[in-house]
Amino acid sequence: MSERLATKKVVKFAKREYREKHPLSVVVARTKPELIFSKGFLSSLRVQRQHLSRLIMIAEYRDEYHIYSFSKTAELLGAENIVKTEQFQKKVENSTSKIYKLPK
C-alpha cells in the first residue's frame, strides 16, 4: 500500500471517530524521525531512528487524549489513553507533522 493510500485510510478512520464519539478535536499526524547522533561541522553525519508507528491519530477529549498508532500500511498497531498536560502537547507538536485536523 502506498503512503498516500495509507494516509487516506487513516483520515477516513479519523472522520468516523469524530462523527461517532464526538471528541473536541481529531488530528492525524506523521511522526518525524528521531535524531540519535550527529557529528561534524553542520552535522555532516546524522543517525536517525524512525518510529514503528508512522501515522498517529490523536482524539482530544476534555480530560485526556486517545492516541491511535498506525503502521506505514495503515494497520492499527494499538491505542493509548494519556492524561492531558502541556508537556505532552509540546512533545507531540515537536515530534510530529500535522496532516489533517477536525474541526477545521
Protein backbone atom coordinates (compact mmCIF):
# COMPACT_ATOMS: atom_id res chain seq x y z
CA MET A 1 0.00 0.00 0.00
CA SER A 2 1.38 3.40 -0.92
CA GLU A 3 1.89 6.10 1.68
CA ARG A 4 -0.82 8.24 0.10
CA LEU A 5 -3.44 5.48 0.31
CA ALA A 6 -2.42 4.73 3.90
CA THR A 7 -2.89 8.39 4.81
CA LYS A 8 -6.33 8.42 3.18
CA LYS A 9 -7.34 5.33 5.15
CA VAL A 10 -6.26 6.90 8.47
CA VAL A 11 -8.07 10.17 7.63
CA LYS A 12 -11.22 8.16 6.89
CA PHE A 13 -10.84 6.46 10.30
CA ALA A 14 -10.41 9.89 11.94
CA LYS A 15 -13.59 11.24 10.32
CA ARG A 16 -15.56 8.23 11.54
CA GLU A 17 -14.11 8.60 15.05
CA TYR A 18 -15.09 12.29 15.10
CA ARG A 19 -18.60 11.56 13.88
CA GLU A 20 -19.28 8.66 16.27
CA LYS A 21 -17.53 9.66 19.52
CA HIS A 22 -17.70 13.49 19.35
CA PRO A 23 -14.26 14.49 20.71
CA LEU A 24 -13.23 18.14 20.94
CA SER A 25 -10.80 17.66 18.05
CA VAL A 26 -9.13 14.94 15.99
CA VAL A 27 -5.64 15.28 14.48
CA VAL A 28 -3.92 12.94 12.04
CA ALA A 29 -0.14 13.37 12.11
CA ARG A 30 3.01 11.78 10.71
CA THR A 31 5.85 11.04 13.13
CA LYS A 32 9.22 12.64 12.46
CA PRO A 33 12.42 10.60 12.67
CA GLU A 34 14.22 10.96 16.00
CA LEU A 35 17.83 12.21 15.90
CA ILE A 36 20.08 9.87 17.88
CA PHE A 37 23.58 11.08 16.98
CA SER A 38 25.13 13.89 14.94
CA LYS A 39 28.79 14.72 14.38
CA GLY A 40 30.80 17.11 12.29
CA PHE A 41 30.57 20.62 11.04
CA LEU A 42 26.94 21.44 10.17
CA SER A 43 26.01 17.90 11.21
CA SER A 44 27.62 16.13 8.25
CA LEU A 45 26.99 12.76 9.92
CA ARG A 46 23.49 12.13 11.27
CA VAL A 47 21.99 8.95 12.66
CA GLN A 48 18.20 8.96 12.87
CA ARG A 49 15.64 6.43 14.05
CA GLN A 50 12.18 6.15 12.52
CA HIS A 51 9.40 5.09 14.88
CA LEU A 52 7.48 1.89 14.21
CA SER A 53 4.23 3.86 14.03
CA ARG A 54 4.43 6.22 11.07
CA LEU A 55 0.96 7.72 11.42
CA ILE A 56 -0.91 8.62 14.59
CA MET A 57 -4.41 9.87 15.25
CA ILE A 58 -4.99 11.96 18.35
CA ALA A 59 -8.55 12.41 19.63
CA GLU A 60 -8.73 15.19 22.23
CA TYR A 61 -11.35 14.85 24.94
CA ARG A 62 -11.96 17.06 27.97
CA ASP A 63 -9.54 15.29 30.36
CA GLU A 64 -7.39 13.07 28.14
CA TYR A 65 -6.04 12.20 24.72
CA HIS A 66 -6.78 8.95 22.89
CA ILE A 67 -3.81 8.14 20.67
CA TYR A 68 -4.12 5.53 17.92
CA SER A 69 -0.88 4.30 16.28
CA PHE A 70 -0.81 3.10 12.68
CA SER A 71 1.92 1.42 10.64
CA LYS A 72 3.03 2.72 7.25
CA THR A 73 0.41 0.45 5.65
CA ALA A 74 -2.36 1.92 7.85
CA GLU A 75 -2.69 -1.13 10.10
CA LEU A 76 -3.82 -0.24 13.61
CA LEU A 77 -0.95 -1.06 15.98
CA GLY A 78 -2.64 -0.03 19.20
CA ALA A 79 -4.30 2.70 21.22
CA GLU A 80 -3.44 4.53 24.41
CA ASN A 81 -5.13 6.97 26.78
CA ILE A 82 -2.95 9.79 28.12
CA VAL A 83 -3.87 12.49 30.63
CA LYS A 84 -3.93 15.99 29.14
CA THR A 85 -0.80 18.03 30.02
CA GLU A 86 1.04 20.95 28.43
CA GLN A 87 4.30 18.98 28.44
CA PHE A 88 2.78 16.14 26.42
CA GLN A 89 1.16 18.56 23.98
CA LYS A 90 4.52 20.26 23.28
CA LYS A 91 6.21 16.90 22.81
CA VAL A 92 3.61 15.87 20.24
CA GLU A 93 3.90 19.19 18.38
CA ASN A 94 7.70 18.86 18.16
CA SER A 95 7.82 15.20 17.13
CA THR A 96 5.01 15.13 14.51
CA SER A 97 3.86 16.97 11.42
CA LYS A 98 0.11 17.57 11.14
CA ILE A 99 -1.71 16.16 8.09
CA TYR A 100 -5.40 16.62 8.88
CA LYS A 101 -7.44 18.22 11.66
CA LEU A 102 -11.11 18.23 12.61
CA PRO A 103 -12.92 20.57 13.33
CA LYS A 104 -11.43 22.87 10.72
